Amino acid sequence: MRGMIRQCAWVSCAVLIAILGSGCVTPPYTISLDQVLEQEKIGSKTHYGYRCTAGAHRGASALYLENSTEALKAAEDAKQYAFIEFDVQYSRDRKIVVFHDKRLLRIFGSLRTIGDTEFAGLSEISEGEIAAYDDVMGLLKKKKLNIEIKSQGDPCLDEALVDEIIADIRKRKRDKDVLISSISADVITYVNQHYPDIPTGQIFWLTSSTYLHFDGLTEKLYEDIQATQADYLLLHVANLRNIDDLLRLKPKGKTIAFWDFGDAMFIVHRDLSDRVWGDSAIKTFYQTTRYNLISFLRRIVPGGRTR
């Protein structure tokens, strides 16, 4: 019996090595945390080996204008992204538009604000580059979405925008595919109180824990998302300097994701509770097991192919 088990193990190993050698690799949107740290030029003595899932921040914004239909459609078609992030806010005439900044200055050189300009005016100033949310959702049908609510500081408007977005994604039967994120704690709290089935992410840029790596400061970050009941902690990549503490102190069921001002965004899978929204436990287990197995085989098989 032991001989049979041993033989089966060797056969299984040989088959897996053959699969790996024939070009079986991790999906294009999968990257290791160690590779991310290397890309961000953040030195670490620790080898993590954790799987990360890459998404497109403001669409494929390294190639096209951020949040434009071209950037979002390119991200939809590109294999290196598992999900797409974009920003939404109201125009003056309550049209939901896909745009990040409050003002048009940085991208279009105008001092006008989104909230004080009607959609027709925004289209004219941007020469059609500012997209309507309805048009974008008509294009993005395959991948999971991270829709960031850009708070205007008016709770009534923010809540109305949340209500309209969630009503729309439910109508499209996309509620399992969408994460609602915001830098506003009030927005995240509202979503979790009124739509507890919708996953949420709270966004932070630079915090005290980014540079002062004290346990109390890192714990405060997690206390903040516990208070709003956010599922995801969305941090700027500068916070990778604190990755040791972020991983060590991370509560189970809370997932860390990082973003930069380019097109990069990725989710860190430290344990099986760290999933891309909408993915089942079985799918996450399969993806993690496959990733770990391929990583192991690459280390032990001479000349093992890497992506």
Protein backbone atom coordinates (compact mmCIF):
# COMPACT_ATOMS: atom_id res chain seq x y z
CA MET A 1 0.00 0.00 0.00
CA ARG A 2 2.81 2.41 0.90
CA GLY A 3 4.54 1.57 -2.37
CA MET A 4 1.38 2.37 -4.30
CA ILE A 5 0.94 5.66 -2.48
CA ARG A 6 4.57 6.54 -3.13
CA GLN A 7 4.18 5.65 -6.80
CA CYS A 8 1.05 7.78 -7.13
CA ALA A 9 2.85 10.69 -5.50
CA TRP A 10 5.73 10.40 -7.96
CA VAL A 11 3.33 10.16 -10.90
CA SER A 12 1.42 13.22 -9.69
CA CYS A 13 4.65 15.14 -9.27
CA ALA A 14 5.83 14.13 -12.75
CA VAL A 15 2.52 15.22 -14.28
CA LEU A 16 2.66 18.57 -12.51
CA ILE A 17 6.25 19.12 -13.61
CA ALA A 18 5.27 18.27 -17.19
CA ILE A 19 2.39 20.75 -17.02
CA LEU A 20 4.67 23.44 -15.67
CA GLY A 21 7.33 22.75 -18.28
CA SER A 22 4.79 22.91 -21.09
CA GLY A 23 3.87 26.46 -20.22
CA CYS A 24 1.38 26.21 -17.34
CA VAL A 25 1.91 29.45 -15.49
CA THR A 26 0.08 31.63 -13.04
CA PRO A 27 -2.59 33.94 -14.53
CA PRO A 28 -1.26 37.21 -16.00
CA TYR A 29 -2.95 39.20 -13.22
CA THR A 30 -1.11 37.27 -10.50
CA ILE A 31 2.09 38.67 -8.99
CA SER A 32 3.98 37.90 -5.80
CA LEU A 33 4.22 40.40 -2.97
CA ASP A 34 8.00 40.11 -3.22
CA GLN A 35 7.84 41.25 -6.86
CA VAL A 36 5.65 44.18 -5.86
CA LEU A 37 8.14 45.27 -3.20
CA GLU A 38 10.95 45.01 -5.74
CA GLN A 39 9.03 47.06 -8.29
CA GLU A 40 8.29 49.74 -5.69
CA LYS A 41 11.99 49.71 -4.67
CA ILE A 42 11.16 48.81 -1.09
CA GLY A 43 13.82 46.59 0.39
CA SER A 44 12.83 43.72 2.65
CA LYS A 45 14.81 40.94 4.30
CA THR A 46 11.65 38.84 4.47
CA HIS A 47 10.55 36.50 1.70
CA TYR A 48 6.75 36.58 1.85
CA GLY A 49 5.68 34.41 -1.04
CA TYR A 50 2.13 35.74 -0.83
CA ARG A 51 0.00 35.86 -3.95
CA CYS A 52 -1.32 39.23 -5.13
CA THR A 53 -4.12 39.94 -7.61
CA ALA A 54 -3.57 42.96 -9.86
CA GLY A 55 -6.24 45.41 -10.95
CA ALA A 56 -6.35 48.54 -13.11
CA HIS A 57 -6.42 51.79 -11.12
CA ARG A 58 -8.55 54.28 -13.08
CA GLY A 59 -8.44 51.82 -15.95
CA ALA A 60 -5.34 51.24 -18.07
CA SER A 61 -4.25 54.75 -17.11
CA ALA A 62 -0.58 54.22 -18.00
CA LEU A 63 -1.62 54.05 -21.65
CA TYR A 64 -4.74 56.21 -21.84
CA LEU A 65 -6.27 59.15 -20.01
CA GLU A 66 -7.33 58.00 -16.56
CA ASN A 67 -11.01 57.07 -16.15
CA SER A 68 -11.64 57.60 -19.87
CA THR A 69 -13.65 55.08 -21.86
CA GLU A 70 -10.44 54.19 -23.72
CA ALA A 71 -8.61 53.43 -20.45
CA LEU A 72 -11.49 51.43 -19.02
CA LYS A 73 -12.16 49.43 -22.18
CA ALA A 74 -8.45 48.66 -22.53
CA ALA A 75 -8.42 47.39 -18.95
CA GLU A 76 -11.47 45.25 -19.67
CA ASP A 77 -9.62 43.62 -22.57
CA ALA A 78 -6.18 43.31 -20.91
CA LYS A 79 -5.35 39.96 -19.32
CA GLN A 80 -3.05 41.47 -16.68
CA TYR A 81 -5.97 42.97 -14.75
CA ALA A 82 -8.48 40.95 -12.73
CA PHE A 83 -10.57 43.99 -11.75
CA ILE A 84 -11.02 47.63 -12.71
CA GLU A 85 -11.24 50.69 -10.45
CA PHE A 86 -12.88 53.96 -11.44
CA ASP A 87 -14.28 57.06 -9.70
CA VAL A 88 -17.78 58.49 -9.78
CA GLN A 89 -19.40 61.77 -8.76
CA TYR A 90 -22.37 63.95 -9.69
CA SER A 91 -22.32 66.75 -12.21
CA ARG A 92 -24.45 69.82 -11.50
CA ASP A 93 -27.44 68.29 -13.30
CA ARG A 94 -27.07 65.05 -11.30
CA LYS A 95 -25.52 63.02 -14.09
CA ILE A 96 -23.11 60.43 -12.70
CA VAL A 97 -19.74 61.01 -14.33
CA VAL A 98 -16.52 59.01 -14.17
CA PHE A 99 -13.82 61.39 -12.97
CA HIS A 100 -11.39 61.53 -10.05
CA ASP A 101 -10.68 65.18 -9.22
CA LYS A 102 -13.09 67.72 -7.87
CA ARG A 103 -11.81 70.29 -10.36
CA LEU A 104 -10.89 70.01 -14.04
CA LEU A 105 -7.60 71.88 -13.54
CA ARG A 106 -5.06 69.02 -13.38
CA ILE A 107 -6.20 67.29 -16.54
CA PHE A 108 -8.08 69.88 -18.61
CA GLY A 109 -6.70 73.21 -17.35
CA SER A 110 -10.06 74.58 -16.22
CA LEU A 111 -10.93 75.90 -12.76
CA ARG A 112 -14.48 74.58 -13.09
CA THR A 113 -15.61 71.92 -10.65
CA ILE A 114 -17.48 68.77 -11.59
CA GLY A 115 -20.31 69.47 -9.15
CA ASP A 116 -20.90 72.99 -10.44
CA THR A 117 -20.86 72.13 -14.15
CA GLU A 118 -23.58 70.41 -16.15
CA PHE A 119 -22.66 67.27 -18.05
CA ALA A 120 -22.91 68.98 -21.42
CA GLY A 121 -20.38 71.56 -20.26
CA LEU A 122 -18.04 68.86 -18.97
CA SER A 123 -18.22 67.09 -22.31
CA GLU A 124 -17.42 70.32 -24.14
CA ILE A 125 -14.46 71.24 -21.91
CA SER A 126 -13.03 67.71 -22.04
CA GLU A 127 -13.85 67.21 -25.72
CA GLY A 128 -15.86 64.15 -24.80
CA GLU A 129 -13.18 62.58 -22.57
CA ILE A 130 -15.26 62.71 -19.39
CA ALA A 131 -17.46 59.64 -19.55
CA ALA A 132 -20.96 59.10 -18.22
CA TYR A 133 -21.30 56.24 -15.74
CA ASP A 134 -24.09 54.62 -17.79
CA ASP A 135 -21.86 54.48 -20.86
CA VAL A 136 -18.98 52.99 -18.89
CA MET A 137 -21.14 50.27 -17.34
CA GLY A 138 -22.36 49.40 -20.81
CA LEU A 139 -18.75 48.65 -21.77
CA LEU A 140 -17.51 46.86 -18.65
CA LYS A 141 -19.27 43.51 -18.54
CA LYS A 142 -16.61 40.89 -17.80
CA LYS A 143 -14.43 41.96 -14.90
CA LYS A 144 -15.03 42.82 -11.27
CA LEU A 145 -15.30 46.52 -10.53
CA ASN A 146 -14.13 48.79 -7.73
CA ILE A 147 -16.34 51.89 -7.87
CA GLU A 148 -14.98 54.73 -5.77
CA ILE A 149 -17.50 57.24 -4.48
CA LYS A 150 -15.94 60.71 -4.57
CA SER A 151 -17.48 62.46 -1.59
CA GLN A 152 -18.50 66.08 -2.18
CA GLY A 153 -18.83 66.81 1.52
CA ASP A 154 -22.62 66.85 1.34
CA PRO A 155 -23.99 63.76 3.13
CA CYS A 156 -27.31 63.91 1.30
CA LEU A 157 -25.64 63.99 -2.12
CA ASP A 158 -23.17 61.28 -1.15
CA GLU A 159 -25.93 59.00 0.07
CA ALA A 160 -28.05 59.67 -3.02
CA LEU A 161 -25.07 58.75 -5.21
CA VAL A 162 -24.54 55.51 -3.27
CA ASP A 163 -28.23 54.66 -3.55
CA GLU A 164 -28.27 55.29 -7.30
CA ILE A 165 -25.08 53.29 -7.95
CA ILE A 166 -26.23 50.29 -5.91
CA ALA A 167 -29.71 50.34 -7.47
CA ASP A 168 -28.04 50.27 -10.86
CA ILE A 169 -25.60 47.44 -10.14
CA ARG A 170 -28.46 45.38 -8.70
CA LYS A 171 -30.55 46.05 -11.78
CA ARG A 172 -27.63 44.84 -13.88
CA LYS A 173 -27.20 41.85 -11.53
CA ARG A 174 -23.63 42.97 -10.83
CA ASP A 175 -23.88 43.35 -7.05
CA LYS A 176 -21.57 40.35 -6.50
CA ASP A 177 -19.00 41.84 -8.87
CA VAL A 178 -18.73 45.33 -7.37
CA LEU A 179 -16.76 46.76 -4.46
CA ILE A 180 -17.82 50.21 -3.23
CA SER A 181 -14.86 52.20 -1.94
CA SER A 182 -14.35 55.72 -0.64
CA ILE A 183 -11.95 57.85 1.34
CA SER A 184 -15.01 59.02 3.30
CA ALA A 185 -15.68 57.02 6.46
CA ASP A 186 -19.27 58.33 6.42
CA VAL A 187 -19.86 56.90 2.93
CA ILE A 188 -18.50 53.47 3.90
CA THR A 189 -20.54 53.45 7.10
CA TYR A 190 -23.68 54.34 5.13
CA VAL A 191 -23.12 51.53 2.63
CA ASN A 192 -22.56 48.95 5.35
CA GLN A 193 -25.57 50.07 7.36
CA HIS A 194 -27.99 50.13 4.43
CA TYR A 195 -26.46 47.58 2.03
CA PRO A 196 -24.62 45.06 4.24
CA ASP A 197 -24.33 42.56 1.38
CA ILE A 198 -22.18 44.94 -0.70
CA PRO A 199 -18.41 44.67 -0.02
CA THR A 200 -16.67 47.93 0.88
CA GLY A 201 -13.16 49.35 0.94
CA GLN A 202 -11.90 52.34 2.92
CA ILE A 203 -9.14 54.35 1.24
CA PHE A 204 -6.11 55.91 2.90
CA TRP A 205 -3.20 57.79 1.34
CA LEU A 206 -0.42 58.68 3.81
CA THR A 207 -0.97 58.08 7.51
CA SER A 208 1.27 58.31 10.55
CA SER A 209 1.89 54.55 10.32
CA THR A 210 3.30 54.99 6.81
CA TYR A 211 6.55 56.28 8.27
CA LEU A 212 6.31 55.56 12.02
CA HIS A 213 6.06 51.80 12.32
CA PHE A 214 4.60 51.52 15.79
CA ASP A 215 2.06 48.82 16.54
CA GLY A 216 -0.39 51.32 18.00
CA LEU A 217 -0.48 53.38 14.79
CA THR A 218 -1.00 50.33 12.60
CA GLU A 219 -3.68 49.01 14.93
CA LYS A 220 -5.41 52.40 14.66
CA LEU A 221 -5.78 51.85 10.90
CA TYR A 222 -7.54 48.56 11.52
CA GLU A 223 -9.66 50.13 14.25
CA ASP A 224 -10.78 52.75 11.73
CA ILE A 225 -12.01 50.16 9.24
CA GLN A 226 -13.54 48.10 12.04
CA ALA A 227 -15.57 51.19 12.98
CA THR A 228 -16.92 51.64 9.44
CA GLN A 229 -17.13 47.83 8.91
CA ALA A 230 -15.09 48.11 5.72
CA ASP A 231 -13.94 44.79 4.29
CA TYR A 232 -10.86 46.13 2.53
CA LEU A 233 -8.12 48.48 3.66
CA LEU A 234 -6.99 50.35 0.52
CA LEU A 235 -3.58 51.96 1.03
CA HIS A 236 -1.19 53.95 -1.13
CA VAL A 237 1.93 51.96 -2.05
CA ALA A 238 4.04 54.18 0.24
CA ASN A 239 2.51 52.14 3.06
CA LEU A 240 4.40 49.08 1.81
CA ARG A 241 7.21 50.38 4.02
CA ASN A 242 5.05 49.12 6.89
CA ILE A 243 4.17 45.79 5.27
CA ASP A 244 5.55 43.66 8.13
CA ASP A 245 3.25 45.23 10.71
CA LEU A 246 0.29 45.45 8.33
CA LEU A 247 0.47 41.71 7.71
CA ARG A 248 1.24 40.76 11.30
CA LEU A 249 -1.58 42.79 12.83
CA LYS A 250 -4.19 42.25 10.09
CA PRO A 251 -7.48 40.96 11.53
CA LYS A 252 -8.87 37.89 9.81
CA GLY A 253 -11.58 38.86 7.39
CA LYS A 254 -10.00 42.23 6.58
CA THR A 255 -8.03 42.37 3.34
CA ILE A 256 -5.21 44.75 2.41
CA ALA A 257 -4.96 46.26 -1.06
CA PHE A 258 -2.48 48.82 -2.39
CA TRP A 259 -2.77 51.44 -5.13
CA ASP A 260 -0.60 54.10 -6.72
CA PHE A 261 -1.24 57.20 -8.82
CA GLY A 262 -0.59 55.22 -11.99
CA ASP A 263 -2.56 52.17 -13.09
CA ALA A 264 -1.33 49.79 -10.37
CA MET A 265 -3.61 48.25 -7.80
CA PHE A 266 -3.30 44.85 -6.14
CA ILE A 267 -4.85 42.74 -3.41
CA VAL A 268 -2.61 40.81 -1.01
CA HIS A 269 -3.72 37.24 -0.26
CA ARG A 270 -2.22 36.47 3.14
CA ASP A 271 -4.83 33.89 4.15
CA LEU A 272 -7.92 32.31 2.63
CA SER A 273 -10.17 35.08 3.95
CA ASP A 274 -8.36 37.44 1.56
CA ARG A 275 -10.46 37.15 -1.58
CA VAL A 276 -11.34 39.24 -4.55
CA TRP A 277 -14.92 40.35 -3.88
CA GLY A 278 -17.45 37.86 -5.19
CA ASP A 279 -14.98 34.95 -5.31
CA SER A 280 -15.98 31.82 -3.39
CA ALA A 281 -13.86 30.15 -0.74
CA ILE A 282 -13.41 27.19 -3.11
CA LYS A 283 -12.13 29.40 -5.94
CA THR A 284 -9.77 31.22 -3.59
CA PHE A 285 -8.45 27.94 -2.20
CA TYR A 286 -7.86 26.63 -5.72
CA GLN A 287 -6.08 29.81 -6.83
CA THR A 288 -3.88 29.88 -3.73
CA THR A 289 -3.03 26.18 -3.93
CA ARG A 290 -2.21 26.45 -7.63
CA TYR A 291 -0.03 29.51 -7.05
CA ASN A 292 1.85 27.89 -4.15
CA LEU A 293 2.37 24.67 -6.08
CA ILE A 294 3.69 26.41 -9.20
CA SER A 295 5.95 28.60 -7.05
CA PHE A 296 7.29 25.50 -5.30
CA LEU A 297 7.92 23.65 -8.55
CA ARG A 298 9.74 26.63 -10.01
CA ARG A 299 12.12 26.54 -7.08
CA ILE A 300 12.89 22.81 -7.30
CA VAL A 301 12.78 22.16 -11.06
CA PRO A 302 15.95 23.25 -12.89
CA GLY A 303 15.04 25.57 -15.73
CA GLY A 304 11.40 25.76 -14.61
CA ARG A 305 9.59 28.33 -16.71
CA THR A 306 8.56 31.62 -15.18
CA ARG A 307 6.25 34.22 -16.50
